[in-house]
């Protein structure tokens, strides 16, 4: 084997090693990002649940609202049939 062939093999090996190292770094970064997202999600979930519980306690502590009494419906003013004509159709 000549030195040229050996050098080419070494270059290919170095490139393969570099790609493997880059892939490992990318996997580590992706795992770190996923962990960060999971931690943030858990923190926000805990805050949401605490707020919902506080709202539930506050709502239970306040007196119930009185229901509004239904109003009597007003009857429409009756117009005699003799007064109905096309001029009233505005």
PDB file of N, CA and C in Angstrom:
ATOM      1  N   UNK A   1       0.834  -1.176   0.000  1.00  0.00           N
ATOM      2  CA  UNK A   1       0.000   0.000   0.000  1.00  0.00           C
ATOM      3  C   UNK A   1       0.876   1.236   0.000  1.00  0.00           C
ATOM      4  N   UNK A   2       0.501   2.170  -0.794  1.00  0.00           N
ATOM      5  CA  UNK A   2       1.296   3.390  -0.871  1.00  0.00           C
ATOM      6  C   UNK A   2       0.877   4.354   0.234  1.00  0.00           C
ATOM      7  N   UNK A   3       1.713   5.344   0.419  1.00  0.00           N
ATOM      8  CA  UNK A   3       1.422   6.359   1.436  1.00  0.00           C
ATOM      9  C   UNK A   3       0.169   7.140   1.088  1.00  0.00           C
ATOM     10  N   UNK A   4      -0.074   7.326  -0.220  1.00  0.00           N
ATOM     11  CA  UNK A   4      -1.253   8.076  -0.670  1.00  0.00           C
ATOM     12  C   UNK A   4      -2.526   7.347  -0.250  1.00  0.00           C
ATOM     13  N   UNK A   5      -2.584   6.049  -0.469  1.00  0.00           N
ATOM     14  CA  UNK A   5      -3.765   5.266  -0.106  1.00  0.00           C
ATOM     15  C   UNK A   5      -3.960   5.280   1.404  1.00  0.00           C
ATOM     16  N   UNK A   6      -2.877   5.176   2.138  1.00  0.00           N
ATOM     17  CA  UNK A   6      -2.956   5.188   3.593  1.00  0.00           C
ATOM     18  C   UNK A   6      -3.444   6.555   4.082  1.00  0.00           C
ATOM     19  N   UNK A   7      -2.972   7.605   3.482  1.00  0.00           N
ATOM     20  CA  UNK A   7      -3.386   8.950   3.851  1.00  0.00           C
ATOM     21  C   UNK A   7      -4.867   9.152   3.544  1.00  0.00           C
ATOM     22  N   UNK A   8      -5.332   8.658   2.389  1.00  0.00           N
ATOM     23  CA  UNK A   8      -6.752   8.766   2.045  1.00  0.00           C
ATOM     24  C   UNK A   8      -7.609   8.026   3.068  1.00  0.00           C
ATOM     25  N   UNK A   9      -7.167   6.866   3.481  1.00  0.00           N
ATOM     26  CA  UNK A   9      -7.907   6.091   4.471  1.00  0.00           C
ATOM     27  C   UNK A   9      -7.950   6.836   5.801  1.00  0.00           C
ATOM     28  N   UNK A  10      -6.844   7.444   6.166  1.00  0.00           N
ATOM     29  CA  UNK A  10      -6.810   8.208   7.411  1.00  0.00           C
ATOM     30  C   UNK A  10      -7.750   9.403   7.349  1.00  0.00           C
ATOM     31  N   UNK A  11      -7.812  10.060   6.195  1.00  0.00           N
ATOM     32  CA  UNK A  11      -8.701  11.211   6.019  1.00  0.00           C
ATOM     33  C   UNK A  11     -10.155  10.763   6.129  1.00  0.00           C
ATOM     34  N   UNK A  12     -10.496   9.645   5.458  1.00  0.00           N
ATOM     35  CA  UNK A  12     -11.869   9.127   5.532  1.00  0.00           C
ATOM     36  C   UNK A  12     -12.229   8.752   6.972  1.00  0.00           C
ATOM     37  N   UNK A  13     -11.286   8.131   7.666  1.00  0.00           N
ATOM     38  CA  UNK A  13     -11.520   7.742   9.058  1.00  0.00           C
ATOM     39  C   UNK A  13     -11.732   8.985   9.934  1.00  0.00           C
ATOM     40  N   UNK A  14     -10.935  10.008   9.722  1.00  0.00           N
ATOM     41  CA  UNK A  14     -11.066  11.241  10.501  1.00  0.00           C
ATOM     42  C   UNK A  14     -12.421  11.898  10.241  1.00  0.00           C
ATOM     43  N   UNK A  15     -12.858  11.883   8.968  1.00  0.00           N
ATOM     44  CA  UNK A  15     -14.168  12.458   8.639  1.00  0.00           C
ATOM     45  C   UNK A  15     -15.283  11.664   9.307  1.00  0.00           C
ATOM     46  N   UNK A  16     -15.159  10.336   9.290  1.00  0.00           N
ATOM     47  CA  UNK A  16     -16.175   9.491   9.915  1.00  0.00           C
ATOM     48  C   UNK A  16     -16.220   9.745  11.423  1.00  0.00           C
ATOM     49  N   UNK A  17     -15.063   9.890  12.031  1.00  0.00           N
ATOM     50  CA  UNK A  17     -14.997  10.179  13.460  1.00  0.00           C
ATOM     51  C   UNK A  17     -15.635  11.532  13.765  1.00  0.00           C
ATOM     52  N   UNK A  18     -15.380  12.515  12.920  1.00  0.00           N
ATOM     53  CA  UNK A  18     -15.941  13.857  13.103  1.00  0.00           C
ATOM     54  C   UNK A  18     -17.465  13.807  12.996  1.00  0.00           C
ATOM     55  N   UNK A  19     -17.978  13.064  11.993  1.00  0.00           N
ATOM     56  CA  UNK A  19     -19.429  12.935  11.835  1.00  0.00           C
ATOM     57  C   UNK A  19     -20.045  12.240  13.046  1.00  0.00           C
ATOM     58  N   UNK A  20     -19.384  11.212  13.544  1.00  0.00           N
ATOM     59  CA  UNK A  20     -19.895  10.499  14.717  1.00  0.00           C
ATOM     60  C   UNK A  20     -19.912  11.419  15.935  1.00  0.00           C
ATOM     61  N   UNK A  21     -18.872  12.211  16.084  1.00  0.00           N
ATOM     62  CA  UNK A  21     -18.799  13.152  17.207  1.00  0.00           C
ATOM     63  C   UNK A  21     -19.897  14.216  17.081  1.00  0.00           C
ATOM     64  N   UNK A  22     -20.104  14.726  15.862  1.00  0.00           N
ATOM     65  CA  UNK A  22     -21.155  15.721  15.643  1.00  0.00           C
ATOM     66  C   UNK A  22     -22.534  15.129  15.941  1.00  0.00           C
ATOM     67  N   UNK A  23     -22.741  13.875  15.536  1.00  0.00           N
ATOM     68  CA  UNK A  23     -24.026  13.221  15.791  1.00  0.00           C
ATOM     69  C   UNK A  23     -24.256  13.062  17.291  1.00  0.00           C
ATOM     70  N   UNK A  24     -23.218  12.683  18.011  1.00  0.00           N
ATOM     71  CA  UNK A  24     -23.335  12.526  19.465  1.00  0.00           C
ATOM     72  C   UNK A  24     -23.651  13.866  20.122  1.00  0.00           C
ATOM     73  N   UNK A  25     -22.987  14.918  19.680  1.00  0.00           N
ATOM     74  CA  UNK A  25     -23.255  16.254  20.232  1.00  0.00           C
ATOM     75  C   UNK A  25     -24.688  16.682  19.935  1.00  0.00           C
ATOM     76  N   UNK A  26     -25.158  16.394  18.723  1.00  0.00           N
ATOM     77  CA  UNK A  26     -26.528  16.759  18.352  1.00  0.00           C
ATOM     78  C   UNK A  26     -27.534  15.994  19.212  1.00  0.00           C
ATOM     79  N   UNK A  27     -27.271  14.723  19.457  1.00  0.00           N
ATOM     80  CA  UNK A  27     -28.165  13.940  20.313  1.00  0.00           C
ATOM     81  C   UNK A  27     -28.173  14.489  21.733  1.00  0.00           C
ATOM     82  N   UNK A  28     -27.012  14.852  22.234  1.00  0.00           N
ATOM     83  CA  UNK A  28     -26.935  15.414  23.584  1.00  0.00           C
ATOM     84  C   UNK A  28     -27.686  16.740  23.673  1.00  0.00           C
ATOM     85  N   UNK A  29     -27.550  17.575  22.643  1.00  0.00           N
ATOM     86  CA  UNK A  29     -28.267  18.855  22.622  1.00  0.00           C
ATOM     87  C   UNK A  29     -29.771  18.625  22.561  1.00  0.00           C
ATOM     88  N   UNK A  30     -30.202  17.664  21.739  1.00  0.00           N
ATOM     89  CA  UNK A  30     -31.630  17.369  21.626  1.00  0.00           C
ATOM     90  C   UNK A  30     -32.175  16.845  22.954  1.00  0.00           C
ATOM     91  N   UNK A  31     -31.414  15.995  23.616  1.00  0.00           N
ATOM     92  CA  UNK A  31     -31.850  15.465  24.909  1.00  0.00           C
ATOM     93  C   UNK A  31     -31.925  16.581  25.952  1.00  0.00           C
ATOM     94  N   UNK A  32     -30.958  17.481  25.936  1.00  0.00           N
ATOM     95  CA  UNK A  32     -30.967  18.603  26.880  1.00  0.00           C
ATOM     96  C   UNK A  32     -32.167  19.513  26.616  1.00  0.00           C
ATOM     97  N   UNK A  33     -32.460  19.757  25.359  1.00  0.00           N
ATOM     98  CA  UNK A  33     -33.614  20.597  24.998  1.00  0.00           C
ATOM     99  C   UNK A  33     -34.915  19.927  25.437  1.00  0.00           C
ATOM    100  N   UNK A  34     -35.027  18.622  25.202  1.00  0.00           N
ATOM    101  CA  UNK A  34     -36.230  17.898  25.612  1.00  0.00           C
ATOM    102  C   UNK A  34     -36.396  17.951  27.133  1.00  0.00           C
ATOM    103  N   UNK A  35     -35.305  17.812  27.859  1.00  0.00           N
ATOM    104  CA  UNK A  35     -35.360  17.877  29.320  1.00  0.00           C
ATOM    105  C   UNK A  35     -35.791  19.268  29.772  1.00  0.00           C
ATOM    106  N   UNK A  36     -35.261  20.300  29.116  1.00  0.00           N
ATOM    107  CA  UNK A  36     -35.621  21.674  29.465  1.00  0.00           C
ATOM    108  C   UNK A  36     -37.112  21.913  29.222  1.00  0.00           C
ATOM    109  N   UNK A  37     -37.616  21.424  28.089  1.00  0.00           N
ATOM    110  CA  UNK A  37     -39.035  21.596  27.767  1.00  0.00           C
ATOM    111  C   UNK A  37     -39.896  20.851  28.786  1.00  0.00           C
ATOM    112  N   UNK A  38     -39.497  19.628  29.151  1.00  0.00           N
ATOM    113  CA  UNK A  38     -40.259  18.858  30.134  1.00  0.00           C
ATOM    114  C   UNK A  38     -40.294  19.563  31.488  1.00  0.00           C
ATOM    115  N   UNK A  39     -39.160  20.117  31.899  1.00  0.00           N
ATOM    116  CA  UNK A  39     -39.110  20.829  33.180  1.00  0.00           C
ATOM    117  C   UNK A  39     -39.998  22.070  33.151  1.00  0.00           C
ATOM    118  N   UNK A  40     -39.962  22.795  32.040  1.00  0.00           N
ATOM    119  CA  UNK A  40     -40.791  24.000  31.916  1.00  0.00           C
ATOM    120  C   UNK A  40     -42.270  23.622  31.921  1.00  0.00           C
ATOM    121  N   UNK A  41     -42.608  22.548  31.206  1.00  0.00           N
ATOM    122  CA  UNK A  41     -43.993  22.096  31.157  1.00  0.00           C
ATOM    123  C   UNK A  41     -44.476  21.711  32.550  1.00  0.00           C
ATOM    124  N   UNK A  42     -43.658  20.991  33.281  1.00  0.00           N
ATOM    125  CA  UNK A  42     -44.028  20.583  34.641  1.00  0.00           C
ATOM    126  C   UNK A  42     -44.199  21.802  35.549  1.00  0.00           C
ATOM    127  N   UNK A  43     -43.317  22.781  35.412  1.00  0.00           N
ATOM    128  CA  UNK A  43     -43.417  23.997  36.231  1.00  0.00           C
ATOM    129  C   UNK A  43     -44.708  24.747  35.913  1.00  0.00           C
ATOM    130  N   UNK A  44     -45.006  24.904  34.623  1.00  0.00           N
ATOM    131  CA  UNK A  44     -46.218  25.625  34.232  1.00  0.00           C
ATOM    132  C   UNK A  44     -47.476  24.861  34.654  1.00  0.00           C
ATOM    133  N   UNK A  45     -47.428  23.545  34.580  1.00  0.00           N
ATOM    134  CA  UNK A  45     -48.563  22.732  34.996  1.00  0.00           C
ATOM    135  C   UNK A  45     -48.810  22.922  36.491  1.00  0.00           C
ATOM    136  N   UNK A  46     -47.750  22.917  37.281  1.00  0.00           N
ATOM    137  CA  UNK A  46     -47.891  23.114  38.725  1.00  0.00           C
ATOM    138  C   UNK A  46     -48.482  24.496  39.023  1.00  0.00           C
ATOM    139  N   UNK A  47     -48.026  25.512  38.303  1.00  0.00           N
ATOM    140  CA  UNK A  47     -48.576  26.860  38.495  1.00  0.00           C
ATOM    141  C   UNK A  47     -50.057  26.907  38.128  1.00  0.00           C
ATOM    142  N   UNK A  48     -50.418  26.260  37.017  1.00  0.00           N
ATOM    143  CA  UNK A  48     -51.816  26.251  36.576  1.00  0.00           C
ATOM    144  C   UNK A  48     -52.699  25.548  37.600  1.00  0.00           C
ATOM    145  N   UNK A  49     -52.245  24.395  38.089  1.00  0.00           N
ATOM    146  CA  UNK A  49     -53.037  23.665  39.076  1.00  0.00           C
ATOM    147  C   UNK A  49     -53.184  24.457  40.370  1.00  0.00           C
ATOM    148  N   UNK A  50     -52.125  25.142  40.790  1.00  0.00           N
ATOM    149  CA  UNK A  50     -52.201  25.962  41.999  1.00  0.00           C
ATOM    150  C   UNK A  50     -53.189  27.110  41.807  1.00  0.00           C
ATOM    151  N   UNK A  51     -53.165  27.731  40.644  1.00  0.00           N
ATOM    152  CA  UNK A  51     -54.092  28.835  40.365  1.00  0.00           C
ATOM    153  C   UNK A  51     -55.531  28.326  40.329  1.00  0.00           C
ATOM    154  N   UNK A  52     -55.754  27.183  39.675  1.00  0.00           N
ATOM    155  CA  UNK A  52     -57.105  26.628  39.621  1.00  0.00           C
ATOM    156  C   UNK A  52     -57.622  26.310  41.021  1.00  0.00           C
ATOM    157  N   UNK A  53     -56.762  25.767  41.877  1.00  0.00           N
ATOM    158  CA  UNK A  53     -57.162  25.456  43.252  1.00  0.00           C
ATOM    159  C   UNK A  53     -57.475  26.738  44.020  1.00  0.00           C
ATOM    160  N   UNK A  54     -56.647  27.767  43.854  1.00  0.00           N
ATOM    161  CA  UNK A  54     -56.898  29.044  44.531  1.00  0.00           C
ATOM    162  C   UNK A  54     -58.207  29.659  44.045  1.00  0.00           C
ATOM    163  N   UNK A  55     -58.470  29.584  42.753  1.00  0.00           N
ATOM    164  CA  UNK A  55     -59.726  30.110  42.212  1.00  0.00           C
ATOM    165  C   UNK A  55     -60.921  29.331  42.763  1.00  0.00           C
ATOM    166  N   UNK A  56     -60.773  28.009  42.867  1.00  0.00           N
ATOM    167  CA  UNK A  56     -61.860  27.179  43.377  1.00  0.00           C
ATOM    168  C   UNK A  56     -62.152  27.529  44.839  1.00  0.00           C
ATOM    169  N   UNK A  57     -61.102  27.715  45.635  1.00  0.00           N
ATOM    170  CA  UNK A  57     -61.275  28.070  47.049  1.00  0.00           C
ATOM    171  C   UNK A  57     -61.913  29.452  47.168  1.00  0.00           C
ATOM    172  N   UNK A  58     -61.468  30.400  46.355  1.00  0.00           N
ATOM    173  CA  UNK A  58     -62.027  31.756  46.402  1.00  0.00           C
ATOM    174  C   UNK A  58     -63.498  31.748  45.998  1.00  0.00           C
ATOM    175  N   UNK A  59     -63.841  30.953  45.008  1.00  0.00           N
ATOM    176  CA  UNK A  59     -65.230  30.896  44.553  1.00  0.00           C
ATOM    177  C   UNK A  59     -66.107  30.249  45.623  1.00  0.00           C
ATOM    178  N   UNK A  60     -65.585  29.248  46.315  1.00  0.00           N
ATOM    179  CA  UNK A  60     -66.351  28.583  47.368  1.00  0.00           C
ATOM    180  C   UNK A  60     -66.552  29.509  48.564  1.00  0.00           C
ATOM    181  N   UNK A  61     -65.624  30.430  48.801  1.00  0.00           N
ATOM    182  CA  UNK A  61     -65.705  31.328  49.951  1.00  0.00           C
ATOM    183  C   UNK A  61     -66.699  32.466  49.740  1.00  0.00           C
ATOM    184  N   UNK A  62     -66.924  32.873  48.521  1.00  0.00           N
ATOM    185  CA  UNK A  62     -67.833  34.002  48.295  1.00  0.00           C
ATOM    186  C   UNK A  62     -69.282  33.515  48.308  1.00  0.00           C
ATOM    187  N   UNK A  63     -70.197  34.378  48.756  1.00  0.00           N
ATOM    188  CA  UNK A  63     -71.604  33.965  48.830  1.00  0.00           C
ATOM    189  C   UNK A  63     -72.171  33.749  47.424  1.00  0.00           C
ATOM    190  N   UNK A  64     -73.138  32.867  47.329  1.00  0.00           N
ATOM    191  CA  UNK A  64     -73.711  32.618  46.000  1.00  0.00           C
ATOM    192  C   UNK A  64     -74.459  33.850  45.496  1.00  0.00           C
ATOM    193  N   UNK A  65     -74.432  34.043  44.216  1.00  0.00           N
ATOM    194  CA  UNK A  65     -75.114  35.194  43.620  1.00  0.00           C
ATOM    195  C   UNK A  65     -76.611  34.914  43.568  1.00  0.00           C
ATOM    196  N   UNK A  66     -77.381  35.979  43.801  1.00  0.00           N
ATOM    197  CA  UNK A  66     -78.829  35.840  43.715  1.00  0.00           C
ATOM    198  C   UNK A  66     -79.232  35.832  42.254  1.00  0.00           C
ATOM    199  N   UNK A  67     -80.181  34.990  41.970  1.00  0.00           N
ATOM    200  CA  UNK A  67     -80.662  34.930  40.598  1.00  0.00           C
ATOM    201  C   UNK A  67     -81.574  36.128  40.344  1.00  0.00           C
ATOM    202  N   UNK A  68     -81.440  36.704  39.183  1.00  0.00           N
ATOM    203  CA  UNK A  68     -82.271  37.846  38.820  1.00  0.00           C
ATOM    204  C   UNK A  68     -83.693  37.360  38.563  1.00  0.00           C
ATOM    205  N   UNK A  69     -84.622  38.145  39.038  1.00  0.00           N
ATOM    206  CA  UNK A  69     -86.018  37.792  38.810  1.00  0.00           C
ATOM    207  C   UNK A  69     -86.358  38.069  37.355  1.00  0.00           C
ATOM    208  N   UNK A  70     -87.103  37.201  36.742  1.00  0.00           N
ATOM    209  CA  UNK A  70     -87.465  37.450  35.342  1.00  0.00           C
ATOM    210  C   UNK A  70     -88.405  38.646  35.249  1.00  0.00           C
ATOM    211  N   UNK A  71     -88.144  39.483  34.290  1.00  0.00           N
ATOM    212  CA  UNK A  71     -88.987  40.665  34.079  1.00  0.00           C
ATOM    213  C   UNK A  71     -90.226  40.270  33.287  1.00  0.00           C
ATOM    214  N   UNK A  72     -91.269  41.018  33.545  1.00  0.00           N
ATOM    215  CA  UNK A  72     -92.492  40.796  32.785  1.00  0.00           C
ATOM    216  C   UNK A  72     -92.279  41.311  31.370  1.00  0.00           C
ATOM    217  N   UNK A  73     -92.700  40.534  30.422  1.00  0.00           N
ATOM    218  CA  UNK A  73     -92.535  40.941  29.031  1.00  0.00           C
ATOM    219  C   UNK A  73     -93.597  41.972  28.684  1.00  0.00           C
ATOM    220  N   UNK A  74     -93.159  43.009  27.977  1.00  0.00           N
ATOM    221  CA  UNK A  74     -94.090  44.048  27.552  1.00  0.00           C
ATOM    222  C   UNK A  74     -94.811  43.561  26.304  1.00  0.00           C
ATOM    223  N   UNK A  75     -96.084  43.794  26.300  1.00  0.00           N
ATOM    224  CA  UNK A  75     -96.857  43.413  25.124  1.00  0.00           C
ATOM    225  C   UNK A  75     -96.689  44.485  24.061  1.00  0.00           C
ATOM    226  N   UNK A  76     -96.662  44.043  22.841  1.00  0.00           N
ATOM    227  CA  UNK A  76     -96.549  44.984  21.729  1.00  0.00           C
ATOM    228  C   UNK A  76     -97.840  45.787  21.630  1.00  0.00           C
ATOM    229  N   UNK A  77     -97.685  47.041  21.266  1.00  0.00           N
ATOM    230  CA  UNK A  77     -98.858  47.901  21.122  1.00  0.00           C
ATOM    231  C   UNK A  77     -99.690  47.414  19.939  1.00  0.00           C
ATOM    232  N   UNK A  78    -100.947  47.283  20.177  1.00  0.00           N
ATOM    233  CA  UNK A  78    -101.838  46.792  19.131  1.00  0.00           C
ATOM    234  C   UNK A  78    -102.222  47.937  18.201  1.00  0.00           C
ATOM    235  N   UNK A  79    -102.197  47.648  16.921  1.00  0.00           N
ATOM    236  CA  UNK A  79    -102.615  48.627  15.921  1.00  0.00           C
ATOM    237  C   UNK A  79    -103.904  48.096  15.296  1.00  0.00           C
ATOM    238  N   UNK A  80    -104.923  48.914  15.290  1.00  0.00           N
ATOM    239  CA  UNK A  80    -106.176  48.451  14.684  1.00  0.00           C
ATOM    240  C   UNK A  80    -105.972  48.109  13.208  1.00  0.00           C
ATOM    241  N   UNK A  81    -106.666  47.124  12.747  1.00  0.00           N
ATOM    242  CA  UNK A  81    -106.522  46.650  11.374  1.00  0.00           C
ATOM    243  C   UNK A  81    -106.850  47.767  10.386  1.00  0.00           C
ATOM    244  N   UNK A  82    -107.758  48.628  10.705  1.00  0.00           N
ATOM    245  CA  UNK A  82    -108.124  49.701   9.793  1.00  0.00           C
ATOM    246  C   UNK A  82    -106.958  50.656   9.559  1.00  0.00           C
ATOM    247  N   UNK A  83    -106.077  50.775  10.553  1.00  0.00           N
ATOM    248  CA  UNK A  83    -104.954  51.701  10.428  1.00  0.00           C
ATOM    249  C   UNK A  83    -103.778  51.102   9.647  1.00  0.00           C
ATOM    250  N   UNK A  84    -103.806  49.822   9.388  1.00  0.00           N
ATOM    251  CA  UNK A  84    -102.717  49.181   8.653  1.00  0.00           C
ATOM    252  C   UNK A  84    -102.835  49.496   7.175  1.00  0.00           C
ATOM    253  N   UNK A  85    -101.756  49.979   6.589  1.00  0.00           N
ATOM    254  CA  UNK A  85    -101.699  50.200   5.149  1.00  0.00           C
ATOM    255  C   UNK A  85    -100.231  50.226   4.743  1.00  0.00           C
ATOM    256  N   UNK A  86     -99.960  50.391   3.494  1.00  0.00           N
ATOM    257  CA  UNK A  86     -98.595  50.334   2.980  1.00  0.00           C
ATOM    258  C   UNK A  86     -97.738  51.483   3.507  1.00  0.00           C
ATOM    259  N   UNK A  87     -98.316  52.572   3.909  1.00  0.00           N
ATOM    260  CA  UNK A  87     -97.523  53.700   4.395  1.00  0.00           C
ATOM    261  C   UNK A  87     -96.905  53.398   5.774  1.00  0.00           C
ATOM    262  N   UNK A  88     -97.430  52.427   6.488  1.00  0.00           N
ATOM    263  CA  UNK A  88     -96.881  52.067   7.799  1.00  0.00           C
ATOM    264  C   UNK A  88     -95.757  51.032   7.698  1.00  0.00           C
ATOM    265  N   UNK A  89     -95.406  50.594   6.521  1.00  0.00           N
ATOM    266  CA  UNK A  89     -94.420  49.529   6.343  1.00  0.00           C
ATOM    267  C   UNK A  89     -92.984  50.017   6.414  1.00  0.00           C
ATOM    268  N   UNK A  90     -92.740  51.213   6.862  1.00  0.00           N
ATOM    269  CA  UNK A  90     -91.375  51.764   6.912  1.00  0.00           C
ATOM    270  C   UNK A  90     -90.521  50.894   7.716  1.00  0.00           C
TER     271      UNK A  90
END
